[in-house]
Amino acid sequence: MAKVEDDEKELEAEADEAEGEAPTSTDEARGEAALAAGAEPAEARAADPVPAQLGATKYVHAAFFAGGILIAYLSGKMLALVWNSLAAWGEAVRRVPVLLRYAEDERDGIMLAVGAVIGVISVVQAYRNERIRTYADEVAAELAKVTWPTRETVVNGTIVVIVASAIATVYVALLDRFWGFLTNLVYGA
């Protein structure tokens, strides 16, 4: 959103320089500058979001994708565990002899495919759920507002913590030695 506003301001400045006169209002200036540069009107841009500028939505999609992979993996492993356990149980094999039709390695592959189907269905259902989608969009929007520290800030903070920890360690070690010395003097070990 901020990128779009910056682009509009830049287009406005270019249009003002080209025309030599200032429009009457800021909104008019933005609209005229965008149209002069061949851009779409703001209403058209809002209705048709540009895929390259997903903003916080890309985090929502990434979270759903990661959740789908996790669900697929876990459900595939759990189903394979259940199948292998049933195949090792004599009573289950007697009642359902099909359990032994596939080798253990084949069972894992089959259950991984079944888990993938379960993962896809789960993610699609969750994505269509309005409450879950709204919650995910709100979380992503809040995360987009966070001002993340720069690399230099993180490195400096880490150095301060390491130095302070080293000083505290030396201080406590010296106190321990001192009190140990005093204890030995008093009790005469």
N, C-alpha and C. Protein backbone atom coordinates (compact mmCIF):
# COMPACT_ATOMS: atom_id res chain seq x y z
N MET A 1 0.83 -1.18 0.00
CA MET A 1 0.00 0.00 0.00
C MET A 1 0.87 1.25 0.00
N ALA A 2 1.93 1.25 0.84
CA ALA A 2 2.82 2.40 0.91
C ALA A 2 3.57 2.55 -0.41
N LYS A 3 3.90 1.45 -1.06
CA LYS A 3 4.61 1.48 -2.34
C LYS A 3 3.75 2.15 -3.38
N VAL A 4 2.46 1.84 -3.39
CA VAL A 4 1.55 2.44 -4.35
C VAL A 4 1.45 3.93 -4.13
N GLU A 5 1.36 4.35 -2.86
CA GLU A 5 1.29 5.77 -2.54
C GLU A 5 2.57 6.48 -2.96
N ASP A 6 3.73 5.87 -2.72
CA ASP A 6 5.00 6.46 -3.12
C ASP A 6 5.07 6.61 -4.64
N ASP A 7 4.61 5.59 -5.35
CA ASP A 7 4.60 5.65 -6.82
C ASP A 7 3.68 6.76 -7.30
N GLU A 8 2.53 6.91 -6.65
CA GLU A 8 1.60 7.97 -7.04
C GLU A 8 2.19 9.34 -6.80
N LYS A 9 2.90 9.52 -5.68
CA LYS A 9 3.54 10.81 -5.40
C LYS A 9 4.63 11.11 -6.42
N GLU A 10 5.37 10.09 -6.80
CA GLU A 10 6.44 10.27 -7.78
C GLU A 10 5.84 10.64 -9.13
N LEU A 11 4.76 9.97 -9.51
CA LEU A 11 4.09 10.29 -10.76
C LEU A 11 3.51 11.71 -10.72
N GLU A 12 3.02 12.10 -9.56
CA GLU A 12 2.47 13.44 -9.40
C GLU A 12 3.55 14.48 -9.63
N ALA A 13 4.72 14.27 -9.05
CA ALA A 13 5.81 15.22 -9.20
C ALA A 13 6.24 15.32 -10.66
N GLU A 14 6.33 14.17 -11.35
CA GLU A 14 6.72 14.17 -12.76
C GLU A 14 5.68 14.90 -13.61
N ALA A 15 4.40 14.71 -13.33
CA ALA A 15 3.34 15.35 -14.10
C ALA A 15 3.36 16.87 -13.86
N ASP A 16 3.62 17.29 -12.62
CA ASP A 16 3.68 18.73 -12.32
C ASP A 16 4.82 19.39 -13.07
N GLU A 17 5.96 18.71 -13.13
CA GLU A 17 7.10 19.26 -13.84
C GLU A 17 6.81 19.38 -15.33
N ALA A 18 6.13 18.37 -15.89
CA ALA A 18 5.82 18.36 -17.31
C ALA A 18 4.79 19.42 -17.67
N GLU A 19 3.80 19.63 -16.83
CA GLU A 19 2.73 20.58 -17.11
C GLU A 19 3.12 22.00 -16.75
N GLY A 20 3.90 22.16 -15.71
CA GLY A 20 4.30 23.50 -15.29
C GLY A 20 3.26 24.18 -14.43
N GLU A 21 2.17 23.53 -14.12
CA GLU A 21 1.16 24.13 -13.25
C GLU A 21 0.71 23.11 -12.22
N ALA A 22 0.31 23.60 -11.07
CA ALA A 22 -0.11 22.71 -9.98
C ALA A 22 -1.61 22.51 -10.03
N PRO A 23 -2.09 21.29 -9.91
CA PRO A 23 -3.53 21.03 -9.84
C PRO A 23 -4.12 21.61 -8.56
N THR A 24 -5.44 21.69 -8.52
CA THR A 24 -6.10 22.35 -7.40
C THR A 24 -6.11 21.52 -6.13
N SER A 25 -6.15 20.20 -6.20
CA SER A 25 -6.15 19.40 -4.98
C SER A 25 -5.19 18.22 -5.12
N THR A 26 -4.84 17.65 -4.00
CA THR A 26 -3.90 16.53 -3.98
C THR A 26 -4.48 15.32 -4.69
N ASP A 27 -5.76 15.03 -4.45
CA ASP A 27 -6.39 13.89 -5.11
C ASP A 27 -6.42 14.06 -6.62
N GLU A 28 -6.74 15.28 -7.07
CA GLU A 28 -6.74 15.53 -8.51
C GLU A 28 -5.34 15.37 -9.07
N ALA A 29 -4.35 15.84 -8.32
CA ALA A 29 -2.96 15.75 -8.78
C ALA A 29 -2.55 14.29 -8.94
N ARG A 30 -2.88 13.48 -7.98
CA ARG A 30 -2.54 12.06 -8.06
C ARG A 30 -3.22 11.40 -9.24
N GLY A 31 -4.49 11.69 -9.40
CA GLY A 31 -5.25 11.07 -10.49
C GLY A 31 -4.73 11.51 -11.84
N GLU A 32 -4.47 12.82 -12.00
CA GLU A 32 -3.96 13.32 -13.27
C GLU A 32 -2.57 12.79 -13.56
N ALA A 33 -1.72 12.74 -12.53
CA ALA A 33 -0.35 12.26 -12.73
C ALA A 33 -0.35 10.79 -13.11
N ALA A 34 -1.20 10.01 -12.48
CA ALA A 34 -1.26 8.59 -12.78
C ALA A 34 -1.78 8.37 -14.19
N LEU A 35 -2.81 9.12 -14.58
CA LEU A 35 -3.35 8.97 -15.92
C LEU A 35 -2.38 9.47 -16.98
N ALA A 36 -1.65 10.56 -16.66
CA ALA A 36 -0.67 11.10 -17.60
C ALA A 36 0.46 10.10 -17.85
N ALA A 37 0.80 9.33 -16.84
CA ALA A 37 1.88 8.35 -16.97
C ALA A 37 1.36 7.04 -17.56
N GLY A 38 0.07 6.97 -17.86
CA GLY A 38 -0.48 5.76 -18.46
C GLY A 38 -0.90 4.73 -17.43
N ALA A 39 -1.02 5.10 -16.17
CA ALA A 39 -1.41 4.15 -15.13
C ALA A 39 -2.93 4.02 -15.10
N GLU A 40 -3.37 2.95 -14.48
CA GLU A 40 -4.81 2.73 -14.32
C GLU A 40 -5.33 3.63 -13.22
N PRO A 41 -6.61 3.98 -13.25
CA PRO A 41 -7.19 4.73 -12.14
C PRO A 41 -7.14 3.92 -10.84
N ALA A 42 -7.17 4.61 -9.72
CA ALA A 42 -7.07 3.96 -8.40
C ALA A 42 -8.19 2.95 -8.20
N GLU A 43 -9.39 3.25 -8.72
CA GLU A 43 -10.51 2.32 -8.54
C GLU A 43 -10.22 1.01 -9.24
N ALA A 44 -9.62 1.07 -10.43
CA ALA A 44 -9.32 -0.16 -11.18
C ALA A 44 -8.23 -0.95 -10.48
N ARG A 45 -7.24 -0.25 -9.92
CA ARG A 45 -6.17 -0.95 -9.20
C ARG A 45 -6.71 -1.64 -7.97
N ALA A 46 -7.62 -1.02 -7.24
CA ALA A 46 -8.17 -1.62 -6.02
C ALA A 46 -8.97 -2.88 -6.34
N ALA A 47 -9.66 -2.87 -7.48
CA ALA A 47 -10.47 -4.03 -7.84
C ALA A 47 -9.62 -5.16 -8.39
N ASP A 48 -8.48 -4.84 -9.00
CA ASP A 48 -7.63 -5.84 -9.62
C ASP A 48 -6.23 -5.75 -9.03
N PRO A 49 -5.97 -6.42 -7.88
CA PRO A 49 -4.66 -6.29 -7.25
C PRO A 49 -3.56 -6.91 -8.10
N VAL A 50 -2.42 -6.28 -8.09
CA VAL A 50 -1.28 -6.76 -8.85
C VAL A 50 -0.65 -7.92 -8.09
N PRO A 51 -0.43 -9.07 -8.73
CA PRO A 51 0.13 -10.23 -8.03
C PRO A 51 1.49 -9.96 -7.40
N ALA A 52 2.29 -9.07 -7.99
CA ALA A 52 3.63 -8.80 -7.45
C ALA A 52 3.56 -8.04 -6.14
N GLN A 53 2.45 -7.38 -5.87
CA GLN A 53 2.31 -6.57 -4.67
C GLN A 53 1.28 -7.20 -3.74
N LEU A 54 1.52 -8.42 -3.31
CA LEU A 54 0.56 -9.11 -2.45
C LEU A 54 0.53 -8.54 -1.05
N GLY A 55 1.59 -7.93 -0.60
CA GLY A 55 1.63 -7.36 0.74
C GLY A 55 1.53 -8.44 1.80
N ALA A 56 0.67 -8.22 2.77
CA ALA A 56 0.53 -9.15 3.89
C ALA A 56 -0.14 -10.45 3.46
N THR A 57 -0.83 -10.46 2.33
CA THR A 57 -1.52 -11.65 1.87
C THR A 57 -0.55 -12.79 1.58
N LYS A 58 0.67 -12.46 1.17
CA LYS A 58 1.63 -13.52 0.86
C LYS A 58 1.97 -14.32 2.12
N TYR A 59 1.94 -13.69 3.28
CA TYR A 59 2.20 -14.41 4.52
C TYR A 59 1.03 -15.34 4.86
N VAL A 60 -0.17 -14.91 4.56
CA VAL A 60 -1.35 -15.76 4.80
C VAL A 60 -1.27 -17.00 3.91
N HIS A 61 -0.95 -16.80 2.64
CA HIS A 61 -0.84 -17.93 1.72
C HIS A 61 0.29 -18.86 2.13
N ALA A 62 1.41 -18.29 2.54
CA ALA A 62 2.55 -19.12 2.98
C ALA A 62 2.18 -19.93 4.22
N ALA A 63 1.43 -19.32 5.14
CA ALA A 63 1.02 -20.04 6.35
C ALA A 63 0.07 -21.19 6.02
N PHE A 64 -0.88 -20.95 5.12
CA PHE A 64 -1.79 -22.02 4.72
C PHE A 64 -1.01 -23.13 4.01
N PHE A 65 -0.05 -22.77 3.17
CA PHE A 65 0.75 -23.76 2.45
C PHE A 65 1.56 -24.61 3.43
N ALA A 66 2.22 -23.94 4.38
CA ALA A 66 3.01 -24.66 5.39
C ALA A 66 2.12 -25.55 6.25
N GLY A 67 0.95 -25.04 6.61
CA GLY A 67 0.01 -25.85 7.38
C GLY A 67 -0.45 -27.08 6.61
N GLY A 68 -0.68 -26.92 5.32
CA GLY A 68 -1.07 -28.06 4.49
C GLY A 68 0.02 -29.12 4.43
N ILE A 69 1.26 -28.68 4.29
CA ILE A 69 2.37 -29.63 4.25
C ILE A 69 2.48 -30.36 5.59
N LEU A 70 2.35 -29.63 6.68
CA LEU A 70 2.44 -30.25 8.01
C LEU A 70 1.31 -31.26 8.22
N ILE A 71 0.10 -30.88 7.86
CA ILE A 71 -1.04 -31.79 8.00
C ILE A 71 -0.84 -33.03 7.13
N ALA A 72 -0.37 -32.85 5.90
CA ALA A 72 -0.14 -33.98 5.00
C ALA A 72 0.89 -34.93 5.58
N TYR A 73 1.98 -34.39 6.07
CA TYR A 73 3.04 -35.23 6.61
C TYR A 73 2.57 -36.00 7.85
N LEU A 74 1.98 -35.26 8.80
CA LEU A 74 1.55 -35.91 10.05
C LEU A 74 0.45 -36.93 9.83
N SER A 75 -0.53 -36.59 9.00
CA SER A 75 -1.62 -37.55 8.77
C SER A 75 -1.10 -38.77 8.01
N GLY A 76 -0.19 -38.59 7.06
CA GLY A 76 0.39 -39.73 6.36
C GLY A 76 1.16 -40.65 7.29
N LYS A 77 1.96 -40.06 8.19
CA LYS A 77 2.73 -40.86 9.14
C LYS A 77 1.82 -41.58 10.14
N MET A 78 0.78 -40.90 10.62
CA MET A 78 -0.13 -41.53 11.58
C MET A 78 -0.91 -42.68 10.92
N LEU A 79 -1.37 -42.47 9.70
CA LEU A 79 -2.11 -43.54 9.01
C LEU A 79 -1.19 -44.73 8.73
N ALA A 80 0.06 -44.47 8.35
CA ALA A 80 1.00 -45.57 8.12
C ALA A 80 1.27 -46.32 9.42
N LEU A 81 1.37 -45.59 10.53
CA LEU A 81 1.58 -46.22 11.83
C LEU A 81 0.40 -47.12 12.19
N VAL A 82 -0.81 -46.62 11.97
CA VAL A 82 -2.00 -47.42 12.25
C VAL A 82 -2.03 -48.67 11.37
N TRP A 83 -1.76 -48.51 10.08
CA TRP A 83 -1.77 -49.65 9.16
C TRP A 83 -0.72 -50.68 9.56
N ASN A 84 0.50 -50.21 9.87
CA ASN A 84 1.56 -51.14 10.27
C ASN A 84 1.22 -51.85 11.59
N SER A 85 0.60 -51.12 12.50
CA SER A 85 0.20 -51.74 13.77
C SER A 85 -0.87 -52.79 13.56
N LEU A 86 -1.83 -52.49 12.71
CA LEU A 86 -2.88 -53.47 12.41
C LEU A 86 -2.31 -54.68 11.67
N ALA A 87 -1.33 -54.45 10.79
CA ALA A 87 -0.72 -55.56 10.05
C ALA A 87 0.09 -56.46 10.97
N ALA A 88 0.58 -55.92 12.09
CA ALA A 88 1.35 -56.73 13.05
C ALA A 88 0.43 -57.43 14.05
N TRP A 89 -0.83 -57.08 14.09
CA TRP A 89 -1.77 -57.67 15.04
C TRP A 89 -2.45 -58.87 14.36
N GLY A 90 -2.28 -60.03 14.92
CA GLY A 90 -2.77 -61.26 14.33
C GLY A 90 -4.27 -61.28 14.10
N GLU A 91 -5.03 -60.86 15.06
CA GLU A 91 -6.50 -60.89 14.95
C GLU A 91 -6.97 -59.99 13.80
N ALA A 92 -6.36 -58.82 13.64
CA ALA A 92 -6.75 -57.91 12.56
C ALA A 92 -6.41 -58.51 11.20
N VAL A 93 -5.29 -59.19 11.11
CA VAL A 93 -4.88 -59.81 9.84
C VAL A 93 -5.82 -60.95 9.48
N ARG A 94 -6.25 -61.73 10.48
CA ARG A 94 -7.19 -62.82 10.21
C ARG A 94 -8.52 -62.29 9.69
N ARG A 95 -8.99 -61.20 10.25
CA ARG A 95 -10.29 -60.65 9.84
C ARG A 95 -10.20 -59.86 8.53
N VAL A 96 -9.07 -59.15 8.33
CA VAL A 96 -8.89 -58.34 7.12
C VAL A 96 -7.54 -58.71 6.51
N PRO A 97 -7.49 -59.76 5.71
CA PRO A 97 -6.21 -60.21 5.15
C PRO A 97 -5.59 -59.23 4.15
N VAL A 98 -6.36 -58.26 3.68
CA VAL A 98 -5.86 -57.26 2.73
C VAL A 98 -4.75 -56.41 3.36
N LEU A 99 -4.71 -56.36 4.69
CA LEU A 99 -3.70 -55.55 5.38
C LEU A 99 -2.28 -55.97 4.99
N LEU A 100 -2.09 -57.22 4.62
CA LEU A 100 -0.75 -57.71 4.29
C LEU A 100 -0.47 -57.71 2.78
N ARG A 101 -1.39 -57.18 1.99
CA ARG A 101 -1.21 -57.18 0.54
C ARG A 101 0.02 -56.36 0.13
N TYR A 102 0.30 -55.27 0.86
CA TYR A 102 1.41 -54.38 0.52
C TYR A 102 2.51 -54.52 1.56
N ALA A 103 3.76 -54.37 1.11
CA ALA A 103 4.91 -54.39 2.03
C ALA A 103 4.92 -53.09 2.84
N GLU A 104 5.72 -53.07 3.88
CA GLU A 104 5.74 -51.91 4.77
C GLU A 104 6.17 -50.64 4.04
N ASP A 105 7.14 -50.74 3.14
CA ASP A 105 7.59 -49.56 2.38
C ASP A 105 6.48 -49.04 1.46
N GLU A 106 5.74 -49.95 0.86
CA GLU A 106 4.64 -49.55 -0.01
C GLU A 106 3.52 -48.89 0.79
N ARG A 107 3.30 -49.38 1.99
CA ARG A 107 2.27 -48.78 2.85
C ARG A 107 2.60 -47.33 3.16
N ASP A 108 3.88 -47.07 3.44
CA ASP A 108 4.29 -45.69 3.75
C ASP A 108 4.02 -44.77 2.57
N GLY A 109 4.34 -45.23 1.35
CA GLY A 109 4.10 -44.42 0.16
C GLY A 109 2.62 -44.16 -0.08
N ILE A 110 1.83 -45.20 0.09
CA ILE A 110 0.39 -45.05 -0.11
C ILE A 110 -0.20 -44.08 0.91
N MET A 111 0.21 -44.23 2.15
CA MET A 111 -0.33 -43.36 3.20
C MET A 111 0.17 -41.93 3.07
N LEU A 112 1.36 -41.75 2.50
CA LEU A 112 1.84 -40.39 2.25
C LEU A 112 0.96 -39.70 1.21
N ALA A 113 0.57 -40.46 0.17
CA ALA A 113 -0.34 -39.91 -0.84
C ALA A 113 -1.71 -39.60 -0.23
N VAL A 114 -2.20 -40.50 0.61
CA VAL A 114 -3.48 -40.25 1.28
C VAL A 114 -3.36 -39.03 2.19
N GLY A 115 -2.23 -38.91 2.89
CA GLY A 115 -1.99 -37.74 3.74
C GLY A 115 -1.96 -36.45 2.94
N ALA A 116 -1.39 -36.50 1.72
CA ALA A 116 -1.37 -35.31 0.87
C ALA A 116 -2.79 -34.89 0.51
N VAL A 117 -3.63 -35.85 0.21
CA VAL A 117 -5.04 -35.54 -0.11
C VAL A 117 -5.72 -34.93 1.11
N ILE A 118 -5.47 -35.51 2.28
CA ILE A 118 -6.06 -34.98 3.51
C ILE A 118 -5.56 -33.55 3.76
N GLY A 119 -4.28 -33.31 3.53
CA GLY A 119 -3.71 -31.97 3.72
C GLY A 119 -4.34 -30.95 2.79
N VAL A 120 -4.50 -31.32 1.51
CA VAL A 120 -5.11 -30.40 0.55
C VAL A 120 -6.55 -30.09 0.93
N ILE A 121 -7.30 -31.12 1.27
CA ILE A 121 -8.71 -30.92 1.66
C ILE A 121 -8.79 -30.05 2.91
N SER A 122 -7.92 -30.29 3.88
CA SER A 122 -7.93 -29.50 5.12
C SER A 122 -7.63 -28.03 4.85
N VAL A 123 -6.63 -27.78 4.02
CA VAL A 123 -6.25 -26.39 3.74
C VAL A 123 -7.35 -25.68 2.96
N VAL A 124 -7.94 -26.35 1.99
CA VAL A 124 -9.02 -25.73 1.21
C VAL A 124 -10.20 -25.41 2.11
N GLN A 125 -10.55 -26.33 2.99
CA GLN A 125 -11.66 -26.08 3.92
C GLN A 125 -11.34 -24.92 4.87
N ALA A 126 -10.12 -24.90 5.39
CA ALA A 126 -9.73 -23.82 6.29
C ALA A 126 -9.69 -22.49 5.56
N TYR A 127 -9.22 -22.49 4.32
CA TYR A 127 -9.12 -21.25 3.54
C TYR A 127 -10.50 -20.70 3.21
N ARG A 128 -11.45 -21.58 3.02
CA ARG A 128 -12.81 -21.14 2.73
C ARG A 128 -13.57 -20.69 3.97
N ASN A 129 -13.12 -21.11 5.15
CA ASN A 129 -13.77 -20.72 6.40
C ASN A 129 -13.51 -19.24 6.65
N GLU A 130 -14.57 -18.47 6.71
CA GLU A 130 -14.46 -17.01 6.82
C GLU A 130 -13.78 -16.57 8.12
N ARG A 131 -14.08 -17.25 9.23
CA ARG A 131 -13.46 -16.87 10.51
C ARG A 131 -11.96 -17.10 10.49
N ILE A 132 -11.54 -18.26 9.99
CA ILE A 132 -10.11 -18.56 9.96
C ILE A 132 -9.40 -17.61 9.01
N ARG A 133 -9.99 -17.35 7.86
CA ARG A 133 -9.37 -16.47 6.87
C ARG A 133 -9.27 -15.04 7.41
N THR A 134 -10.31 -14.57 8.06
CA THR A 134 -10.28 -13.22 8.63
C THR A 134 -9.20 -13.13 9.70
N TYR A 135 -9.13 -14.13 10.56
CA TYR A 135 -8.11 -14.15 11.61
C TYR A 135 -6.70 -14.12 11.00
N ALA A 136 -6.48 -14.95 9.98
CA ALA A 136 -5.16 -15.00 9.34
C ALA A 136 -4.83 -13.68 8.67
N ASP A 137 -5.80 -13.05 8.01
CA ASP A 137 -5.57 -11.76 7.37
C ASP A 137 -5.24 -10.68 8.40
N GLU A 138 -5.93 -10.71 9.55
CA GLU A 138 -5.67 -9.71 10.59
C GLU A 138 -4.28 -9.90 11.20
N VAL A 139 -3.89 -11.15 11.42
CA VAL A 139 -2.56 -11.42 11.96
C VAL A 139 -1.49 -10.94 10.99
N ALA A 140 -1.67 -11.24 9.70
CA ALA A 140 -0.70 -10.82 8.70
C ALA A 140 -0.65 -9.29 8.60
N ALA A 141 -1.79 -8.64 8.70
CA ALA A 141 -1.81 -7.18 8.64
C ALA A 141 -1.07 -6.58 9.83
N GLU A 142 -1.24 -7.16 11.00
CA GLU A 142 -0.52 -6.67 12.18
C GLU A 142 0.99 -6.91 12.04
N LEU A 143 1.36 -8.07 11.51
CA LEU A 143 2.79 -8.35 11.32
C LEU A 143 3.40 -7.42 10.29
N ALA A 144 2.61 -6.99 9.31
CA ALA A 144 3.12 -6.06 8.32
C ALA A 144 3.40 -4.69 8.93
N LYS A 145 2.74 -4.36 10.03
CA LYS A 145 2.96 -3.07 10.69
C LYS A 145 4.20 -3.06 11.58
N VAL A 146 4.75 -4.24 11.86
CA VAL A 146 5.90 -4.34 12.76
C VAL A 146 7.12 -3.72 12.11
N THR A 147 7.86 -2.96 12.88
CA THR A 147 9.12 -2.41 12.42
C THR A 147 10.21 -3.37 12.86
N TRP A 148 10.76 -4.11 11.92
CA TRP A 148 11.76 -5.10 12.24
C TRP A 148 13.12 -4.42 12.38
N PRO A 149 13.94 -4.90 13.33
CA PRO A 149 15.24 -4.28 13.51
C PRO A 149 16.17 -4.57 12.33
N THR A 150 17.12 -3.65 12.14
CA THR A 150 18.09 -3.86 11.07
C THR A 150 19.13 -4.88 11.53
N ARG A 151 19.93 -5.35 10.60
CA ARG A 151 20.98 -6.32 10.93
C ARG A 151 21.97 -5.71 11.92
N GLU A 152 22.30 -4.44 11.71
CA GLU A 152 23.26 -3.76 12.59
C GLU A 152 22.72 -3.69 14.02
N THR A 153 21.45 -3.41 14.18
CA THR A 153 20.84 -3.34 15.50
C THR A 153 20.89 -4.69 16.20
N VAL A 154 20.58 -5.75 15.46
CA VAL A 154 20.59 -7.09 16.04
C VAL A 154 22.01 -7.49 16.44
N VAL A 155 22.99 -7.20 15.58
CA VAL A 155 24.38 -7.54 15.89
C VAL A 155 24.85 -6.77 17.13
N ASN A 156 24.56 -5.48 17.18
CA ASN A 156 24.97 -4.68 18.34
C ASN A 156 24.30 -5.17 19.62
N GLY A 157 23.01 -5.50 19.55
CA GLY A 157 22.32 -6.02 20.73
C GLY A 157 22.89 -7.35 21.19
N THR A 158 23.24 -8.20 20.23
CA THR A 158 23.83 -9.49 20.57
C THR A 158 25.18 -9.31 21.25
N ILE A 159 25.98 -8.41 20.73
CA ILE A 159 27.30 -8.15 21.34
C ILE A 159 27.14 -7.63 22.76
N VAL A 160 26.19 -6.73 22.97
CA VAL A 160 25.96 -6.19 24.32
C VAL A 160 25.56 -7.31 25.27
N VAL A 161 24.68 -8.20 24.83
CA VAL A 161 24.24 -9.30 25.69
C VAL A 161 25.40 -10.24 26.02
N ILE A 162 26.23 -10.56 25.03
CA ILE A 162 27.37 -11.45 25.27
C ILE A 162 28.36 -10.82 26.23
N VAL A 163 28.68 -9.54 26.04
CA VAL A 163 29.63 -8.87 26.94
C VAL A 163 29.05 -8.77 28.34
N ALA A 164 27.80 -8.40 28.47
CA ALA A 164 27.18 -8.29 29.80
C ALA A 164 27.14 -9.65 30.48
N SER A 165 26.85 -10.70 29.74
CA SER A 165 26.85 -12.05 30.32
C SER A 165 28.24 -12.46 30.78
N ALA A 166 29.25 -12.13 30.01
CA ALA A 166 30.63 -12.45 30.39
C ALA A 166 31.03 -11.71 31.66
N ILE A 167 30.68 -10.44 31.73
CA ILE A 167 31.00 -9.65 32.93
C ILE A 167 30.27 -10.21 34.15
N ALA A 168 29.00 -10.53 33.98
CA ALA A 168 28.23 -11.10 35.10
C ALA A 168 28.81 -12.45 35.53
N THR A 169 29.27 -13.25 34.58
CA THR A 169 29.86 -14.55 34.90
C THR A 169 31.14 -14.38 35.70
N VAL A 170 31.99 -13.47 35.27
CA VAL A 170 33.25 -13.21 35.99
C VAL A 170 32.94 -12.69 37.39
N TYR A 171 31.99 -11.79 37.51
CA TYR A 171 31.63 -11.21 38.80
C TYR A 171 31.14 -12.29 39.77
N VAL A 172 30.23 -13.14 39.30
CA VAL A 172 29.69 -14.20 40.16
C VAL A 172 30.79 -15.20 40.52
N ALA A 173 31.67 -15.52 39.57
CA ALA A 173 32.77 -16.45 39.85
C ALA A 173 33.72 -15.87 40.90
N LEU A 174 34.02 -14.57 40.79
CA LEU A 174 34.88 -13.94 41.80
C LEU A 174 34.22 -13.92 43.17
N LEU A 175 32.93 -13.62 43.21
CA LEU A 175 32.22 -13.65 44.49
C LEU A 175 32.22 -15.05 45.08
N ASP A 176 32.04 -16.05 44.25
CA ASP A 176 32.04 -17.44 44.71
C ASP A 176 33.41 -17.79 45.32
N ARG A 177 34.46 -17.42 44.62
CA ARG A 177 35.82 -17.69 45.14
C ARG A 177 36.05 -16.94 46.45
N PHE A 178 35.60 -15.67 46.50
CA PHE A 178 35.81 -14.87 47.71
C PHE A 178 35.07 -15.48 48.90
N TRP A 179 33.77 -15.82 48.71
CA TRP A 179 33.00 -16.38 49.80
C TRP A 179 33.50 -17.79 50.17
N GLY A 180 34.00 -18.53 49.21
CA GLY A 180 34.61 -19.82 49.50
C GLY A 180 35.85 -19.65 50.35
N PHE A 181 36.67 -18.65 50.03
CA PHE A 181 37.88 -18.36 50.81
C PHE A 181 37.51 -17.98 52.24
N LEU A 182 36.49 -17.08 52.38
CA LEU A 182 36.07 -16.68 53.72
C LEU A 182 35.49 -17.85 54.51
N THR A 183 34.75 -18.71 53.85
CA THR A 183 34.18 -19.87 54.52
C THR A 183 35.28 -20.81 55.00
N ASN A 184 36.30 -20.99 54.19
CA ASN A 184 37.43 -21.83 54.60
C ASN A 184 38.17 -21.21 55.79
N LEU A 185 38.27 -19.88 55.84
CA LEU A 185 38.95 -19.22 56.98
C LEU A 185 38.13 -19.41 58.26
N VAL A 186 36.79 -19.25 58.14
CA VAL A 186 35.96 -19.34 59.35
C VAL A 186 35.83 -20.76 59.84
N TYR A 187 35.55 -21.70 58.94
CA TYR A 187 35.32 -23.07 59.37
C TYR A 187 36.59 -23.92 59.36
N GLY A 188 37.64 -23.43 58.78
CA GLY A 188 38.93 -24.12 58.79
C GLY A 188 38.89 -25.47 58.14
N ALA A 189 38.56 -25.53 56.91
CA ALA A 189 38.46 -26.78 56.19
C ALA A 189 39.82 -27.36 56.06
